Amino acid sequence: MTKLTADDIDEAMSVPQVAKKLNVSKSTIYSLINDGKISYLMVEKQKRIRPEHLAEYIERCTVTAGVG
């Protein structure tokens, strides 16, 4: 397990920020978190998503044209 730094926490995005980036609702992001589809960290009582976790989710959702 990697130890978090202050920079990791500073770079982590709030649920509303991620929702805005993906153009979806906050409840959609909470559903993705609750379903284990996006990793997150807790800062106090707030869920935060690291940029690399969002990138991993997007990569898993990417469909190549002409492929199933």
N, C-alpha and C. Protein backbone atom coordinates (compact mmCIF):
# COMPACT_ATOMS: atom_id res chain seq x y z
N MET A 1 0.84 -1.18 0.00
CA MET A 1 0.00 0.00 0.00
C MET A 1 0.89 1.24 0.00
N THR A 2 0.60 2.17 -0.90
CA THR A 2 1.39 3.39 -1.03
C THR A 2 0.89 4.44 -0.04
N LYS A 3 1.81 5.10 0.61
CA LYS A 3 1.44 6.15 1.55
C LYS A 3 1.05 7.41 0.77
N LEU A 4 -0.08 8.01 1.15
CA LEU A 4 -0.54 9.22 0.50
C LEU A 4 0.25 10.43 0.97
N THR A 5 0.43 11.36 0.06
CA THR A 5 1.08 12.61 0.39
C THR A 5 0.06 13.74 0.32
N ALA A 6 0.45 14.91 0.77
CA ALA A 6 -0.44 16.08 0.68
C ALA A 6 -0.75 16.39 -0.78
N ASP A 7 0.20 16.17 -1.68
CA ASP A 7 -0.05 16.42 -3.11
C ASP A 7 -1.11 15.47 -3.65
N ASP A 8 -1.09 14.21 -3.21
CA ASP A 8 -2.11 13.25 -3.64
C ASP A 8 -3.50 13.76 -3.26
N ILE A 9 -3.62 14.24 -2.05
CA ILE A 9 -4.91 14.73 -1.57
C ILE A 9 -5.30 16.01 -2.30
N ASP A 10 -4.34 16.89 -2.55
CA ASP A 10 -4.63 18.13 -3.27
C ASP A 10 -5.11 17.86 -4.69
N GLU A 11 -4.57 16.82 -5.34
CA GLU A 11 -4.94 16.48 -6.71
C GLU A 11 -6.26 15.72 -6.79
N ALA A 12 -6.67 15.08 -5.69
CA ALA A 12 -7.90 14.30 -5.69
C ALA A 12 -9.10 15.22 -5.89
N MET A 13 -10.06 14.73 -6.69
CA MET A 13 -11.23 15.54 -7.05
C MET A 13 -12.44 15.13 -6.21
N SER A 14 -13.29 16.08 -5.96
CA SER A 14 -14.54 15.80 -5.26
C SER A 14 -15.52 15.12 -6.21
N VAL A 15 -16.55 14.54 -5.65
CA VAL A 15 -17.58 13.91 -6.47
C VAL A 15 -18.20 14.92 -7.44
N PRO A 16 -18.56 16.13 -7.00
CA PRO A 16 -19.11 17.09 -7.97
C PRO A 16 -18.14 17.44 -9.10
N GLN A 17 -16.85 17.52 -8.80
CA GLN A 17 -15.86 17.82 -9.84
C GLN A 17 -15.81 16.69 -10.88
N VAL A 18 -15.81 15.45 -10.40
CA VAL A 18 -15.77 14.31 -11.32
C VAL A 18 -17.06 14.24 -12.14
N ALA A 19 -18.19 14.50 -11.51
CA ALA A 19 -19.47 14.49 -12.22
C ALA A 19 -19.46 15.52 -13.34
N LYS A 20 -18.91 16.68 -13.06
CA LYS A 20 -18.84 17.73 -14.07
C LYS A 20 -17.93 17.31 -15.22
N LYS A 21 -16.77 16.71 -14.90
CA LYS A 21 -15.84 16.26 -15.94
C LYS A 21 -16.47 15.23 -16.87
N LEU A 22 -17.25 14.33 -16.30
CA LEU A 22 -17.87 13.26 -17.09
C LEU A 22 -19.25 13.63 -17.63
N ASN A 23 -19.72 14.81 -17.25
CA ASN A 23 -21.04 15.29 -17.67
C ASN A 23 -22.15 14.33 -17.25
N VAL A 24 -22.07 13.91 -15.98
CA VAL A 24 -23.10 13.05 -15.39
C VAL A 24 -23.48 13.65 -14.04
N SER A 25 -24.48 13.06 -13.41
CA SER A 25 -24.92 13.56 -12.11
C SER A 25 -24.02 13.07 -10.99
N LYS A 26 -24.08 13.75 -9.86
CA LYS A 26 -23.33 13.32 -8.69
C LYS A 26 -23.80 11.94 -8.25
N SER A 27 -25.11 11.68 -8.36
CA SER A 27 -25.61 10.37 -7.93
C SER A 27 -25.06 9.25 -8.81
N THR A 28 -24.77 9.54 -10.08
CA THR A 28 -24.14 8.54 -10.94
C THR A 28 -22.75 8.21 -10.42
N ILE A 29 -22.00 9.23 -10.03
CA ILE A 29 -20.65 9.00 -9.50
C ILE A 29 -20.72 8.22 -8.19
N TYR A 30 -21.65 8.57 -7.31
CA TYR A 30 -21.79 7.81 -6.07
C TYR A 30 -22.15 6.36 -6.36
N SER A 31 -22.98 6.11 -7.36
CA SER A 31 -23.33 4.74 -7.75
C SER A 31 -22.10 3.98 -8.24
N LEU A 32 -21.28 4.65 -9.07
CA LEU A 32 -20.05 4.02 -9.56
C LEU A 32 -19.11 3.68 -8.40
N ILE A 33 -19.03 4.58 -7.43
CA ILE A 33 -18.20 4.34 -6.25
C ILE A 33 -18.76 3.16 -5.46
N ASN A 34 -20.07 3.18 -5.20
CA ASN A 34 -20.69 2.13 -4.40
C ASN A 34 -20.63 0.77 -5.08
N ASP A 35 -20.63 0.75 -6.41
CA ASP A 35 -20.52 -0.49 -7.18
C ASP A 35 -19.08 -0.96 -7.34
N GLY A 36 -18.12 -0.17 -6.83
CA GLY A 36 -16.71 -0.54 -6.91
C GLY A 36 -16.09 -0.30 -8.27
N LYS A 37 -16.72 0.54 -9.09
CA LYS A 37 -16.22 0.80 -10.44
C LYS A 37 -15.20 1.93 -10.49
N ILE A 38 -15.23 2.81 -9.50
CA ILE A 38 -14.24 3.88 -9.38
C ILE A 38 -13.66 3.81 -7.97
N SER A 39 -12.34 3.76 -7.88
CA SER A 39 -11.68 3.77 -6.58
C SER A 39 -11.69 5.20 -6.03
N TYR A 40 -11.62 5.29 -4.72
CA TYR A 40 -11.66 6.61 -4.09
C TYR A 40 -10.89 6.58 -2.79
N LEU A 41 -10.67 7.74 -2.23
CA LEU A 41 -10.09 7.84 -0.90
C LEU A 41 -10.99 8.74 -0.07
N MET A 42 -10.88 8.58 1.23
CA MET A 42 -11.68 9.39 2.14
C MET A 42 -10.80 10.47 2.74
N VAL A 43 -11.28 11.70 2.67
CA VAL A 43 -10.63 12.84 3.33
C VAL A 43 -11.68 13.37 4.29
N GLU A 44 -11.42 13.12 5.57
CA GLU A 44 -12.43 13.35 6.59
C GLU A 44 -13.65 12.51 6.22
N LYS A 45 -14.79 13.12 5.93
CA LYS A 45 -15.99 12.36 5.56
C LYS A 45 -16.32 12.48 4.08
N GLN A 46 -15.41 13.04 3.31
CA GLN A 46 -15.65 13.26 1.89
C GLN A 46 -14.92 12.24 1.03
N LYS A 47 -15.61 11.74 0.02
CA LYS A 47 -15.00 10.84 -0.94
C LYS A 47 -14.29 11.68 -1.98
N ARG A 48 -13.04 11.32 -2.27
CA ARG A 48 -12.23 12.01 -3.27
C ARG A 48 -11.70 11.00 -4.27
N ILE A 49 -11.62 11.41 -5.52
CA ILE A 49 -11.16 10.51 -6.57
C ILE A 49 -9.86 11.05 -7.14
N ARG A 50 -8.85 10.20 -7.11
CA ARG A 50 -7.54 10.59 -7.65
C ARG A 50 -7.60 10.57 -9.17
N PRO A 51 -6.87 11.46 -9.83
CA PRO A 51 -6.89 11.50 -11.30
C PRO A 51 -6.59 10.15 -11.95
N GLU A 52 -5.66 9.39 -11.37
CA GLU A 52 -5.33 8.10 -11.97
C GLU A 52 -6.47 7.08 -11.83
N HIS A 53 -7.26 7.20 -10.76
CA HIS A 53 -8.41 6.32 -10.61
C HIS A 53 -9.49 6.66 -11.64
N LEU A 54 -9.68 7.93 -11.91
CA LEU A 54 -10.64 8.33 -12.94
C LEU A 54 -10.15 7.87 -14.30
N ALA A 55 -8.86 8.01 -14.56
CA ALA A 55 -8.29 7.58 -15.84
C ALA A 55 -8.45 6.08 -16.03
N GLU A 56 -8.26 5.30 -14.97
CA GLU A 56 -8.44 3.84 -15.04
C GLU A 56 -9.88 3.49 -15.38
N TYR A 57 -10.82 4.18 -14.75
CA TYR A 57 -12.24 3.94 -15.04
C TYR A 57 -12.54 4.26 -16.51
N ILE A 58 -12.07 5.41 -16.97
CA ILE A 58 -12.32 5.80 -18.36
C ILE A 58 -11.72 4.79 -19.32
N GLU A 59 -10.53 4.31 -19.02
CA GLU A 59 -9.87 3.31 -19.87
C GLU A 59 -10.70 2.04 -19.95
N ARG A 60 -11.25 1.60 -18.83
CA ARG A 60 -12.08 0.39 -18.82
C ARG A 60 -13.37 0.58 -19.62
N CYS A 61 -13.85 1.82 -19.68
CA CYS A 61 -15.11 2.09 -20.39
C CYS A 61 -14.91 2.39 -21.87
N THR A 62 -13.67 2.56 -22.29
CA THR A 62 -13.39 2.93 -23.67
C THR A 62 -13.65 1.75 -24.61
N VAL A 63 -14.40 2.03 -25.66
CA VAL A 63 -14.71 1.02 -26.67
C VAL A 63 -14.03 1.45 -27.96
N THR A 64 -13.28 0.55 -28.53
CA THR A 64 -12.60 0.83 -29.81
C THR A 64 -13.60 0.64 -30.94
N ALA A 65 -13.61 1.59 -31.88
CA ALA A 65 -14.55 1.52 -33.01
C ALA A 65 -14.38 0.19 -33.73
N GLY A 66 -15.51 -0.43 -34.05
CA GLY A 66 -15.49 -1.67 -34.80
C GLY A 66 -15.24 -2.90 -33.94
N VAL A 67 -15.08 -2.71 -32.64
CA VAL A 67 -14.85 -3.85 -31.75
C VAL A 67 -16.02 -3.95 -30.78
N GLY A 68 -16.62 -5.11 -30.72
CA GLY A 68 -17.73 -5.53 -29.92
C GLY A 68 -18.36 -4.63 -29.00
